[in-house]
Amino acid sequence: MSSRDAILAAVRRQLPQSSPLPELDGPWITYPDPLAQFSRVLEVIGGRCVRVSREAEIAAELAEMPQFSQAKQTLSLVPGAFPGTVTMDQITDPHQLFDIDFAILPGELAVAENAAVWVNDLNVTHRVIYFLCQHLALVVPLSQLVHNLSEAYDRLALTTSPFGGFIAGPSKTADIEQSLVIGAHGPRSMTVFVVG
């Protein structure tokens, strides 16, 4: 027996016993006011939640935001909110999105438990926009706000889009010298407009 085979045999003898997987149909956390919970958690992680009754009200809210009023290049895939200065139809190469200051994009559903918003590329030609823009606003219907991740996964149709992910708050890291840097890998701010 080679030394490699001896080592692998020794490792195999020390493997832990398998154990059954936990049940996933237990009682999950719920909140008396999921929107309040979502807003609270989003604020703690550096984002902001704004509730509007209709998409048309988003434009007035945007006008009050310095990140939006100072933006030179804006892109909106939520036409009822704001038209934007750049349209995705004009973009043939995702690299052309490098200078988008503010993007308003659809979110599929929001989770009160951790303030995460599920996004996908079903109506987004270049999914890199979620990460290249300087400031990100996601628009989610109130009817698509769930209490916890278990509820979220029950609603997701994971086979309909090749790309999807949860985004929670602006990009941040404290890996280097334990100094918090906002916008290191993506947007410097995140606002979620909950409509309804």
Protein backbone atom coordinates (compact mmCIF):
# COMPACT_ATOMS: atom_id res chain seq x y z
CA MET A 1 0.00 0.00 0.00
CA SER A 2 1.39 3.42 -0.97
CA SER A 3 1.68 6.19 1.60
CA ARG A 4 -1.11 8.04 -0.23
CA ASP A 5 -3.46 5.06 0.07
CA ALA A 6 -2.53 4.62 3.73
CA ILE A 7 -3.36 8.25 4.49
CA LEU A 8 -6.69 8.08 2.66
CA ALA A 9 -7.60 4.83 4.42
CA ALA A 10 -6.82 6.43 7.79
CA VAL A 11 -9.02 9.43 6.92
CA ARG A 12 -11.88 7.16 5.87
CA ARG A 13 -11.74 5.32 9.21
CA GLN A 14 -12.18 8.64 11.04
CA LEU A 15 -15.20 9.93 9.12
CA PRO A 16 -18.06 11.08 11.39
CA GLN A 17 -21.29 9.12 11.49
CA SER A 18 -23.93 10.44 9.16
CA SER A 19 -26.96 12.02 10.74
CA PRO A 20 -30.43 12.68 9.34
CA LEU A 21 -31.12 16.03 7.73
CA PRO A 22 -33.24 18.42 9.82
CA GLU A 23 -36.93 18.79 9.08
CA LEU A 24 -37.74 21.95 7.15
CA ASP A 25 -41.46 22.13 7.87
CA GLY A 26 -41.16 23.42 11.43
CA PRO A 27 -42.56 26.67 12.77
CA TRP A 28 -40.63 29.55 11.21
CA ILE A 29 -40.40 33.06 12.59
CA THR A 30 -43.20 35.47 11.69
CA TYR A 31 -43.62 39.15 12.52
CA PRO A 32 -46.71 41.10 13.55
CA ASP A 33 -45.68 43.79 11.04
CA PRO A 34 -43.39 42.35 8.32
CA LEU A 35 -42.91 45.74 6.65
CA ALA A 36 -41.73 47.34 9.91
CA GLN A 37 -39.33 44.43 10.45
CA PHE A 38 -38.01 44.66 6.89
CA SER A 39 -37.50 48.44 7.24
CA ARG A 40 -35.76 48.07 10.61
CA VAL A 41 -33.33 45.41 9.42
CA LEU A 42 -32.61 47.23 6.14
CA GLU A 43 -31.75 50.39 8.07
CA VAL A 44 -29.42 48.46 10.40
CA ILE A 45 -27.48 47.08 7.43
CA GLY A 46 -27.16 50.48 5.76
CA GLY A 47 -30.17 50.65 3.44
CA ARG A 48 -33.46 52.50 3.41
CA CYS A 49 -37.04 51.39 2.89
CA VAL A 50 -39.71 53.70 1.47
CA ARG A 51 -43.34 52.66 1.21
CA VAL A 52 -45.42 54.16 -1.58
CA SER A 53 -48.96 53.33 -2.59
CA ARG A 54 -48.27 53.49 -6.37
CA GLU A 55 -45.18 53.35 -8.59
CA ALA A 56 -45.95 56.90 -9.79
CA GLU A 57 -45.09 58.20 -6.28
CA ILE A 58 -41.51 56.96 -6.54
CA ALA A 59 -40.43 59.93 -8.70
CA ALA A 60 -41.27 62.40 -5.91
CA GLU A 61 -39.33 60.30 -3.40
CA LEU A 62 -36.35 60.11 -5.76
CA ALA A 63 -36.30 63.90 -6.13
CA GLU A 64 -35.66 64.16 -2.38
CA MET A 65 -32.64 61.84 -2.50
CA PRO A 66 -29.23 63.51 -2.97
CA GLN A 67 -27.82 60.36 -4.60
CA PHE A 68 -30.48 60.62 -7.29
CA SER A 69 -30.58 64.41 -7.74
CA GLN A 70 -26.79 64.47 -8.22
CA ALA A 71 -26.73 61.50 -10.60
CA LYS A 72 -25.70 62.20 -14.18
CA GLN A 73 -26.49 58.76 -15.63
CA THR A 74 -29.68 57.05 -14.44
CA LEU A 75 -31.24 53.82 -15.62
CA SER A 76 -34.73 52.62 -14.83
CA LEU A 77 -36.30 49.27 -15.61
CA VAL A 78 -39.41 50.32 -13.69
CA PRO A 79 -41.05 52.71 -16.21
CA GLY A 80 -43.80 53.75 -13.79
CA ALA A 81 -41.20 55.06 -11.37
CA PHE A 82 -38.90 57.14 -13.56
CA PRO A 83 -37.78 56.89 -17.19
CA GLY A 84 -34.01 57.28 -16.64
CA THR A 85 -31.45 58.99 -18.87
CA VAL A 86 -30.08 55.70 -20.26
CA THR A 87 -32.22 52.88 -21.61
CA MET A 88 -31.14 49.26 -21.57
CA ASP A 89 -32.07 49.05 -25.27
CA GLN A 90 -29.10 51.32 -26.03
CA ILE A 91 -26.64 48.99 -24.27
CA THR A 92 -25.05 46.24 -26.36
CA ASP A 93 -22.05 45.54 -24.11
CA PRO A 94 -22.43 45.29 -20.30
CA HIS A 95 -19.18 47.28 -19.94
CA GLN A 96 -21.15 50.31 -21.14
CA LEU A 97 -22.94 50.35 -17.78
CA PHE A 98 -19.78 51.30 -15.86
CA ASP A 99 -20.86 54.91 -15.34
CA ILE A 100 -24.47 54.43 -14.19
CA ASP A 101 -24.86 56.56 -11.08
CA PHE A 102 -28.35 55.44 -10.08
CA ALA A 103 -30.35 52.38 -11.17
CA ILE A 104 -34.02 51.67 -10.41
CA LEU A 105 -34.67 47.98 -10.89
CA PRO A 106 -37.43 45.47 -10.14
CA GLY A 107 -37.17 43.16 -7.17
CA GLU A 108 -39.20 39.96 -7.20
CA LEU A 109 -39.76 39.52 -3.48
CA ALA A 110 -38.53 40.85 -0.13
CA VAL A 111 -37.82 39.03 3.14
CA ALA A 112 -38.66 40.69 6.47
CA GLU A 113 -36.33 38.41 8.43
CA ASN A 114 -33.11 39.74 6.87
CA ALA A 115 -34.15 42.61 4.54
CA ALA A 116 -33.00 40.66 1.49
CA VAL A 117 -34.59 41.26 -1.90
CA TRP A 118 -34.62 38.51 -4.54
CA VAL A 119 -33.62 39.73 -8.00
CA ASN A 120 -33.28 37.88 -11.29
CA ASP A 121 -32.51 38.62 -14.90
CA LEU A 122 -35.87 37.76 -16.47
CA ASN A 123 -36.44 41.40 -17.50
CA VAL A 124 -32.88 42.66 -17.08
CA THR A 125 -30.75 42.34 -20.20
CA HIS A 126 -27.43 42.85 -18.41
CA ARG A 127 -27.58 41.56 -14.84
CA VAL A 128 -24.28 43.22 -14.01
CA ILE A 129 -26.25 46.46 -13.51
CA TYR A 130 -27.23 45.26 -10.02
CA PHE A 131 -23.56 45.50 -9.06
CA LEU A 132 -22.06 48.21 -11.29
CA CYS A 133 -24.34 51.12 -10.43
CA GLN A 134 -23.22 53.55 -7.73
CA HIS A 135 -26.65 53.68 -6.08
CA LEU A 136 -29.37 51.05 -6.33
CA ALA A 137 -33.13 51.29 -5.82
CA LEU A 138 -35.23 48.14 -5.95
CA VAL A 139 -39.01 48.20 -6.37
CA VAL A 140 -40.99 45.37 -4.75
CA PRO A 141 -44.78 44.94 -4.47
CA LEU A 142 -46.03 44.81 -0.87
CA SER A 143 -47.81 41.57 -1.77
CA GLN A 144 -44.36 40.02 -2.33
CA LEU A 145 -43.07 40.74 1.20
CA VAL A 146 -42.64 37.50 3.16
CA HIS A 147 -41.76 36.84 6.79
CA ASN A 148 -38.75 34.54 6.38
CA LEU A 149 -36.45 32.79 3.93
CA SER A 150 -38.43 29.55 4.10
CA GLU A 151 -41.49 31.40 2.73
CA ALA A 152 -39.28 33.07 0.13
CA TYR A 153 -37.96 29.78 -1.20
CA ASP A 154 -41.50 28.41 -1.36
CA ARG A 155 -42.40 31.28 -3.71
CA LEU A 156 -39.32 31.27 -5.92
CA ALA A 157 -39.43 29.58 -9.30
CA LEU A 158 -35.73 28.77 -9.48
CA THR A 159 -35.98 27.12 -12.90
CA THR A 160 -37.37 30.12 -14.79
CA SER A 161 -34.19 32.22 -14.78
CA PRO A 162 -30.54 31.24 -15.10
CA PHE A 163 -29.56 34.01 -12.66
CA GLY A 164 -31.01 35.04 -9.34
CA GLY A 165 -29.81 36.19 -5.98
CA PHE A 166 -30.65 37.97 -2.75
CA ILE A 167 -29.36 41.52 -2.26
CA ALA A 168 -29.45 43.02 1.23
CA GLY A 169 -28.21 46.57 1.74
CA PRO A 170 -25.36 48.39 0.04
CA SER A 171 -22.09 46.63 -0.68
CA LYS A 172 -19.70 46.69 2.26
CA THR A 173 -16.57 45.02 3.59
CA ALA A 174 -14.34 45.33 6.64
CA ASP A 175 -11.78 42.71 5.59
CA ILE A 176 -8.87 45.12 5.36
CA GLU A 177 -7.65 46.50 8.70
CA GLN A 178 -11.19 46.09 10.10
CA SER A 179 -12.09 49.38 8.43
CA LEU A 180 -15.65 49.42 7.07
CA VAL A 181 -15.77 50.36 3.39
CA ILE A 182 -19.17 51.02 1.79
CA GLY A 183 -19.49 50.34 -1.93
CA ALA A 184 -16.39 48.18 -2.20
CA HIS A 185 -17.90 45.56 -4.52
CA GLY A 186 -21.17 47.12 -5.60
CA PRO A 187 -23.63 49.96 -4.91
CA ARG A 188 -22.81 52.52 -2.23
CA SER A 189 -26.46 52.87 -1.25
CA MET A 190 -29.59 50.78 -1.51
CA THR A 191 -33.17 51.95 -1.28
CA VAL A 192 -36.11 49.60 -1.45
CA PHE A 193 -39.45 51.00 -2.56
CA VAL A 194 -42.29 48.83 -1.32
CA VAL A 195 -45.35 49.50 -3.48
CA GLY A 196 -48.87 48.96 -2.18
